[in-house]
Amino acid sequence: MKDWPKLVFTIAIAIVFVVSTFVALFGAGSMLNATLRTYVFGVEECTYRPVAAPLESEKTVAEEPQEECKVDYNRAKGNIADGLGMFILAAPLALVSFWTTRRTVKE
């Protein structure tokens, strides 16, 4: 019955390890996803730009909107930076909590 604080501490550190591992994996996955979509497969983002009808026109209906498709490198850079930030923050926390849990369980 004396070791219950140690057990609670070990469980808490194990929970921190599991959560930080999932965050690190999610960050690495989002980085990989953004890199593959943009630089490997070249997935294009398409936007429609409406074309306004001239005021003195005889037409009552505007022209068909123009579709513009291009690879959005700025969004990809932002997604990669977000994923890298999550990974850099969570990976060391996962390692430290893993080592602490392992050391505590061995004692």
N, C-alpha and C. Protein backbone atom coordinates (compact mmCIF):
# COMPACT_ATOMS: atom_id res chain seq x y z
N MET A 1 0.81 -1.19 0.00
CA MET A 1 0.00 0.00 0.00
C MET A 1 0.86 1.25 0.00
N LYS A 2 2.13 1.12 0.32
CA LYS A 2 3.03 2.27 0.35
C LYS A 2 3.35 2.77 -1.05
N ASP A 3 3.31 1.90 -2.02
CA ASP A 3 3.77 2.26 -3.36
C ASP A 3 2.68 2.87 -4.24
N TRP A 4 1.54 3.26 -3.71
CA TRP A 4 0.50 3.83 -4.56
C TRP A 4 0.89 5.17 -5.17
N PRO A 5 1.66 6.06 -4.51
CA PRO A 5 2.07 7.29 -5.22
C PRO A 5 2.98 6.99 -6.42
N LYS A 6 3.83 5.99 -6.26
CA LYS A 6 4.69 5.59 -7.37
C LYS A 6 3.85 5.04 -8.52
N LEU A 7 2.82 4.27 -8.21
CA LEU A 7 1.94 3.72 -9.24
C LEU A 7 1.18 4.82 -9.96
N VAL A 8 0.66 5.79 -9.23
CA VAL A 8 -0.06 6.91 -9.83
C VAL A 8 0.88 7.71 -10.73
N PHE A 9 2.10 7.97 -10.26
CA PHE A 9 3.09 8.70 -11.05
C PHE A 9 3.44 7.94 -12.33
N THR A 10 3.61 6.64 -12.23
CA THR A 10 3.94 5.83 -13.40
C THR A 10 2.80 5.83 -14.41
N ILE A 11 1.57 5.74 -13.94
CA ILE A 11 0.42 5.77 -14.84
C ILE A 11 0.31 7.13 -15.52
N ALA A 12 0.53 8.20 -14.77
CA ALA A 12 0.45 9.55 -15.35
C ALA A 12 1.52 9.75 -16.42
N ILE A 13 2.73 9.31 -16.16
CA ILE A 13 3.81 9.44 -17.14
C ILE A 13 3.53 8.56 -18.36
N ALA A 14 2.96 7.39 -18.14
CA ALA A 14 2.61 6.52 -19.27
C ALA A 14 1.54 7.17 -20.14
N ILE A 15 0.57 7.85 -19.54
CA ILE A 15 -0.45 8.55 -20.32
C ILE A 15 0.17 9.69 -21.11
N VAL A 16 1.09 10.43 -20.50
CA VAL A 16 1.80 11.50 -21.22
C VAL A 16 2.58 10.91 -22.40
N PHE A 17 3.19 9.75 -22.19
CA PHE A 17 3.93 9.09 -23.27
C PHE A 17 3.01 8.72 -24.43
N VAL A 18 1.86 8.14 -24.13
CA VAL A 18 0.95 7.71 -25.20
C VAL A 18 0.42 8.92 -25.97
N VAL A 19 0.00 9.95 -25.26
CA VAL A 19 -0.56 11.14 -25.93
C VAL A 19 0.50 11.84 -26.76
N SER A 20 1.70 12.03 -26.21
CA SER A 20 2.75 12.72 -26.96
C SER A 20 3.22 11.89 -28.15
N THR A 21 3.17 10.57 -28.04
CA THR A 21 3.52 9.73 -29.18
C THR A 21 2.51 9.90 -30.31
N PHE A 22 1.22 9.94 -29.96
CA PHE A 22 0.20 10.16 -30.99
C PHE A 22 0.34 11.53 -31.64
N VAL A 23 0.64 12.55 -30.85
CA VAL A 23 0.82 13.90 -31.41
C VAL A 23 2.01 13.94 -32.34
N ALA A 24 3.11 13.29 -31.95
CA ALA A 24 4.30 13.25 -32.80
C ALA A 24 4.01 12.50 -34.10
N LEU A 25 3.29 11.40 -34.01
CA LEU A 25 2.94 10.65 -35.22
C LEU A 25 2.00 11.45 -36.12
N PHE A 26 1.05 12.16 -35.52
CA PHE A 26 0.14 12.98 -36.32
C PHE A 26 0.90 14.12 -37.00
N GLY A 27 1.85 14.74 -36.30
CA GLY A 27 2.65 15.80 -36.90
C GLY A 27 3.51 15.29 -38.05
N ALA A 28 4.13 14.15 -37.85
CA ALA A 28 4.95 13.57 -38.92
C ALA A 28 4.08 13.16 -40.10
N GLY A 29 2.90 12.63 -39.82
CA GLY A 29 2.00 12.24 -40.90
C GLY A 29 1.50 13.43 -41.70
N SER A 30 1.17 14.53 -41.04
CA SER A 30 0.71 15.70 -41.78
C SER A 30 1.83 16.33 -42.59
N MET A 31 3.07 16.28 -42.07
CA MET A 31 4.21 16.75 -42.85
C MET A 31 4.40 15.89 -44.09
N LEU A 32 4.35 14.60 -43.93
CA LEU A 32 4.50 13.68 -45.05
C LEU A 32 3.38 13.86 -46.06
N ASN A 33 2.16 14.04 -45.60
CA ASN A 33 1.02 14.24 -46.48
C ASN A 33 1.20 15.51 -47.30
N ALA A 34 1.56 16.60 -46.67
CA ALA A 34 1.72 17.87 -47.39
C ALA A 34 2.87 17.78 -48.40
N THR A 35 3.94 17.11 -48.02
CA THR A 35 5.08 16.97 -48.93
C THR A 35 4.72 16.12 -50.14
N LEU A 36 4.07 15.00 -49.91
CA LEU A 36 3.68 14.13 -51.02
C LEU A 36 2.68 14.80 -51.95
N ARG A 37 1.66 15.45 -51.37
CA ARG A 37 0.64 16.11 -52.19
C ARG A 37 1.23 17.20 -53.08
N THR A 38 2.15 17.97 -52.53
CA THR A 38 2.64 19.14 -53.26
C THR A 38 3.83 18.82 -54.15
N TYR A 39 4.85 18.22 -53.59
CA TYR A 39 6.12 18.09 -54.31
C TYR A 39 6.26 16.79 -55.08
N VAL A 40 5.58 15.73 -54.67
CA VAL A 40 5.71 14.46 -55.37
C VAL A 40 4.61 14.29 -56.41
N PHE A 41 3.35 14.44 -55.98
CA PHE A 41 2.24 14.20 -56.88
C PHE A 41 1.75 15.46 -57.58
N GLY A 42 2.07 16.63 -57.07
CA GLY A 42 1.66 17.88 -57.69
C GLY A 42 0.16 18.08 -57.74
N VAL A 43 -0.52 17.83 -56.65
CA VAL A 43 -1.97 17.99 -56.61
C VAL A 43 -2.31 19.47 -56.73
N GLU A 44 -3.20 19.79 -57.66
CA GLU A 44 -3.53 21.18 -57.94
C GLU A 44 -4.78 21.60 -57.17
N GLU A 45 -4.78 22.85 -56.74
CA GLU A 45 -5.96 23.46 -56.12
C GLU A 45 -6.62 24.31 -57.19
N CYS A 46 -7.90 24.11 -57.43
CA CYS A 46 -8.61 24.86 -58.47
C CYS A 46 -9.54 25.88 -57.84
N THR A 47 -9.52 27.08 -58.41
CA THR A 47 -10.41 28.15 -57.97
C THR A 47 -11.13 28.71 -59.19
N TYR A 48 -12.29 29.21 -58.97
CA TYR A 48 -13.07 29.83 -60.04
C TYR A 48 -13.05 31.34 -59.87
N ARG A 49 -12.71 32.04 -60.94
CA ARG A 49 -12.72 33.50 -60.92
C ARG A 49 -13.89 33.97 -61.77
N PRO A 50 -14.84 34.62 -61.13
CA PRO A 50 -16.00 35.08 -61.90
C PRO A 50 -15.63 36.21 -62.85
N VAL A 51 -16.26 36.22 -64.00
CA VAL A 51 -16.04 37.26 -65.00
C VAL A 51 -17.28 38.15 -65.00
N ALA A 52 -17.09 39.41 -64.71
CA ALA A 52 -18.23 40.33 -64.65
C ALA A 52 -18.65 40.73 -66.06
N ALA A 53 -19.93 40.86 -66.27
CA ALA A 53 -20.45 41.31 -67.57
C ALA A 53 -20.34 42.83 -67.64
N PRO A 54 -19.97 43.38 -68.78
CA PRO A 54 -19.91 44.84 -68.91
C PRO A 54 -21.29 45.46 -68.68
N LEU A 55 -21.31 46.68 -68.17
CA LEU A 55 -22.58 47.36 -67.87
C LEU A 55 -23.41 47.65 -69.12
N GLU A 56 -22.74 48.00 -70.20
CA GLU A 56 -23.45 48.33 -71.44
C GLU A 56 -23.66 47.11 -72.32
N SER A 57 -23.65 45.95 -71.76
CA SER A 57 -23.77 44.73 -72.54
C SER A 57 -25.24 44.41 -72.81
N GLU A 58 -25.46 43.76 -73.91
CA GLU A 58 -26.81 43.32 -74.25
C GLU A 58 -27.15 42.00 -73.56
N LYS A 59 -26.13 41.32 -73.05
CA LYS A 59 -26.35 40.05 -72.36
C LYS A 59 -26.90 40.30 -70.96
N THR A 60 -27.77 39.45 -70.55
CA THR A 60 -28.29 39.54 -69.18
C THR A 60 -27.62 38.51 -68.27
N VAL A 61 -26.91 37.57 -68.87
CA VAL A 61 -26.24 36.52 -68.10
C VAL A 61 -24.73 36.73 -68.23
N ALA A 62 -24.02 36.63 -67.12
CA ALA A 62 -22.57 36.78 -67.14
C ALA A 62 -21.92 35.59 -67.82
N GLU A 63 -20.69 35.77 -68.23
CA GLU A 63 -19.94 34.68 -68.87
C GLU A 63 -19.63 33.58 -67.86
N GLU A 64 -19.24 32.46 -68.39
CA GLU A 64 -18.85 31.32 -67.57
C GLU A 64 -17.61 31.70 -66.75
N PRO A 65 -17.57 31.37 -65.45
CA PRO A 65 -16.38 31.71 -64.66
C PRO A 65 -15.16 30.95 -65.15
N GLN A 66 -14.01 31.57 -64.99
CA GLN A 66 -12.76 30.95 -65.44
C GLN A 66 -12.20 30.10 -64.30
N GLU A 67 -11.77 28.90 -64.66
CA GLU A 67 -11.18 28.01 -63.67
C GLU A 67 -9.66 28.17 -63.74
N GLU A 68 -9.06 28.34 -62.56
CA GLU A 68 -7.61 28.48 -62.48
C GLU A 68 -7.08 27.41 -61.54
N CYS A 69 -6.24 26.53 -62.07
CA CYS A 69 -5.68 25.44 -61.27
C CYS A 69 -4.17 25.61 -61.16
N LYS A 70 -3.66 25.48 -59.93
CA LYS A 70 -2.21 25.54 -59.73
C LYS A 70 -1.88 24.87 -58.40
N VAL A 71 -0.63 24.50 -58.26
CA VAL A 71 -0.15 23.90 -57.02
C VAL A 71 0.07 25.04 -56.02
N ASP A 72 -0.51 24.90 -54.83
CA ASP A 72 -0.40 25.95 -53.82
C ASP A 72 0.79 25.65 -52.90
N TYR A 73 1.92 26.21 -53.26
CA TYR A 73 3.15 25.96 -52.50
C TYR A 73 3.13 26.64 -51.13
N ASN A 74 2.49 27.79 -51.03
CA ASN A 74 2.46 28.50 -49.74
C ASN A 74 1.66 27.72 -48.70
N ARG A 75 0.53 27.16 -49.10
CA ARG A 75 -0.24 26.34 -48.16
C ARG A 75 0.55 25.10 -47.75
N ALA A 76 1.26 24.51 -48.70
CA ALA A 76 2.06 23.32 -48.39
C ALA A 76 3.16 23.66 -47.39
N LYS A 77 3.81 24.80 -47.60
CA LYS A 77 4.85 25.20 -46.65
C LYS A 77 4.28 25.42 -45.26
N GLY A 78 3.10 26.00 -45.19
CA GLY A 78 2.44 26.19 -43.89
C GLY A 78 2.09 24.86 -43.23
N ASN A 79 1.57 23.92 -44.01
CA ASN A 79 1.23 22.60 -43.47
C ASN A 79 2.47 21.85 -43.00
N ILE A 80 3.55 21.96 -43.76
CA ILE A 80 4.80 21.30 -43.37
C ILE A 80 5.34 21.93 -42.09
N ALA A 81 5.28 23.25 -41.99
CA ALA A 81 5.74 23.92 -40.78
C ALA A 81 4.90 23.54 -39.56
N ASP A 82 3.58 23.43 -39.73
CA ASP A 82 2.72 23.00 -38.62
C ASP A 82 3.06 21.59 -38.16
N GLY A 83 3.21 20.68 -39.11
CA GLY A 83 3.55 19.30 -38.76
C GLY A 83 4.91 19.18 -38.11
N LEU A 84 5.87 19.94 -38.61
CA LEU A 84 7.21 19.92 -38.03
C LEU A 84 7.20 20.47 -36.62
N GLY A 85 6.44 21.52 -36.40
CA GLY A 85 6.34 22.07 -35.05
C GLY A 85 5.74 21.09 -34.07
N MET A 86 4.68 20.39 -34.49
CA MET A 86 4.07 19.38 -33.62
C MET A 86 5.05 18.25 -33.33
N PHE A 87 5.79 17.83 -34.35
CA PHE A 87 6.74 16.73 -34.16
C PHE A 87 7.89 17.14 -33.25
N ILE A 88 8.42 18.34 -33.47
CA ILE A 88 9.55 18.81 -32.65
C ILE A 88 9.13 18.98 -31.19
N LEU A 89 7.92 19.37 -30.95
CA LEU A 89 7.44 19.54 -29.58
C LEU A 89 7.14 18.20 -28.92
N ALA A 90 6.51 17.29 -29.64
CA ALA A 90 6.01 16.07 -29.01
C ALA A 90 7.05 14.94 -28.95
N ALA A 91 7.95 14.86 -29.91
CA ALA A 91 8.90 13.73 -29.92
C ALA A 91 9.82 13.71 -28.69
N PRO A 92 10.45 14.84 -28.31
CA PRO A 92 11.27 14.79 -27.09
C PRO A 92 10.45 14.49 -25.83
N LEU A 93 9.23 15.02 -25.78
CA LEU A 93 8.38 14.73 -24.63
C LEU A 93 8.05 13.24 -24.56
N ALA A 94 7.80 12.63 -25.70
CA ALA A 94 7.53 11.19 -25.73
C ALA A 94 8.75 10.40 -25.28
N LEU A 95 9.94 10.80 -25.74
CA LEU A 95 11.15 10.08 -25.34
C LEU A 95 11.41 10.21 -23.85
N VAL A 96 11.29 11.40 -23.31
CA VAL A 96 11.54 11.60 -21.88
C VAL A 96 10.53 10.85 -21.04
N SER A 97 9.27 10.90 -21.42
CA SER A 97 8.26 10.17 -20.65
C SER A 97 8.44 8.66 -20.78
N PHE A 98 8.90 8.19 -21.93
CA PHE A 98 9.18 6.76 -22.09
C PHE A 98 10.31 6.32 -21.18
N TRP A 99 11.41 7.09 -21.19
CA TRP A 99 12.55 6.74 -20.33
C TRP A 99 12.17 6.80 -18.85
N THR A 100 11.37 7.78 -18.47
CA THR A 100 10.95 7.90 -17.07
C THR A 100 10.06 6.73 -16.68
N THR A 101 9.13 6.37 -17.54
CA THR A 101 8.26 5.24 -17.25
C THR A 101 9.05 3.94 -17.14
N ARG A 102 9.97 3.75 -18.06
CA ARG A 102 10.78 2.53 -18.05
C ARG A 102 11.64 2.43 -16.78
N ARG A 103 12.23 3.57 -16.41
CA ARG A 103 13.07 3.58 -15.22
C ARG A 103 12.22 3.33 -13.95
N THR A 104 11.02 3.92 -13.91
CA THR A 104 10.16 3.76 -12.75
C THR A 104 9.63 2.33 -12.62
N VAL A 105 9.31 1.71 -13.74
CA VAL A 105 8.80 0.34 -13.71
C VAL A 105 9.89 -0.64 -13.29
N LYS A 106 11.15 -0.39 -13.69
CA LYS A 106 12.25 -1.29 -13.32
C LYS A 106 12.55 -1.27 -11.83
N GLU A 107 12.28 -0.16 -11.17
CA GLU A 107 12.60 -0.05 -9.73
C GLU A 107 11.70 -0.87 -8.86
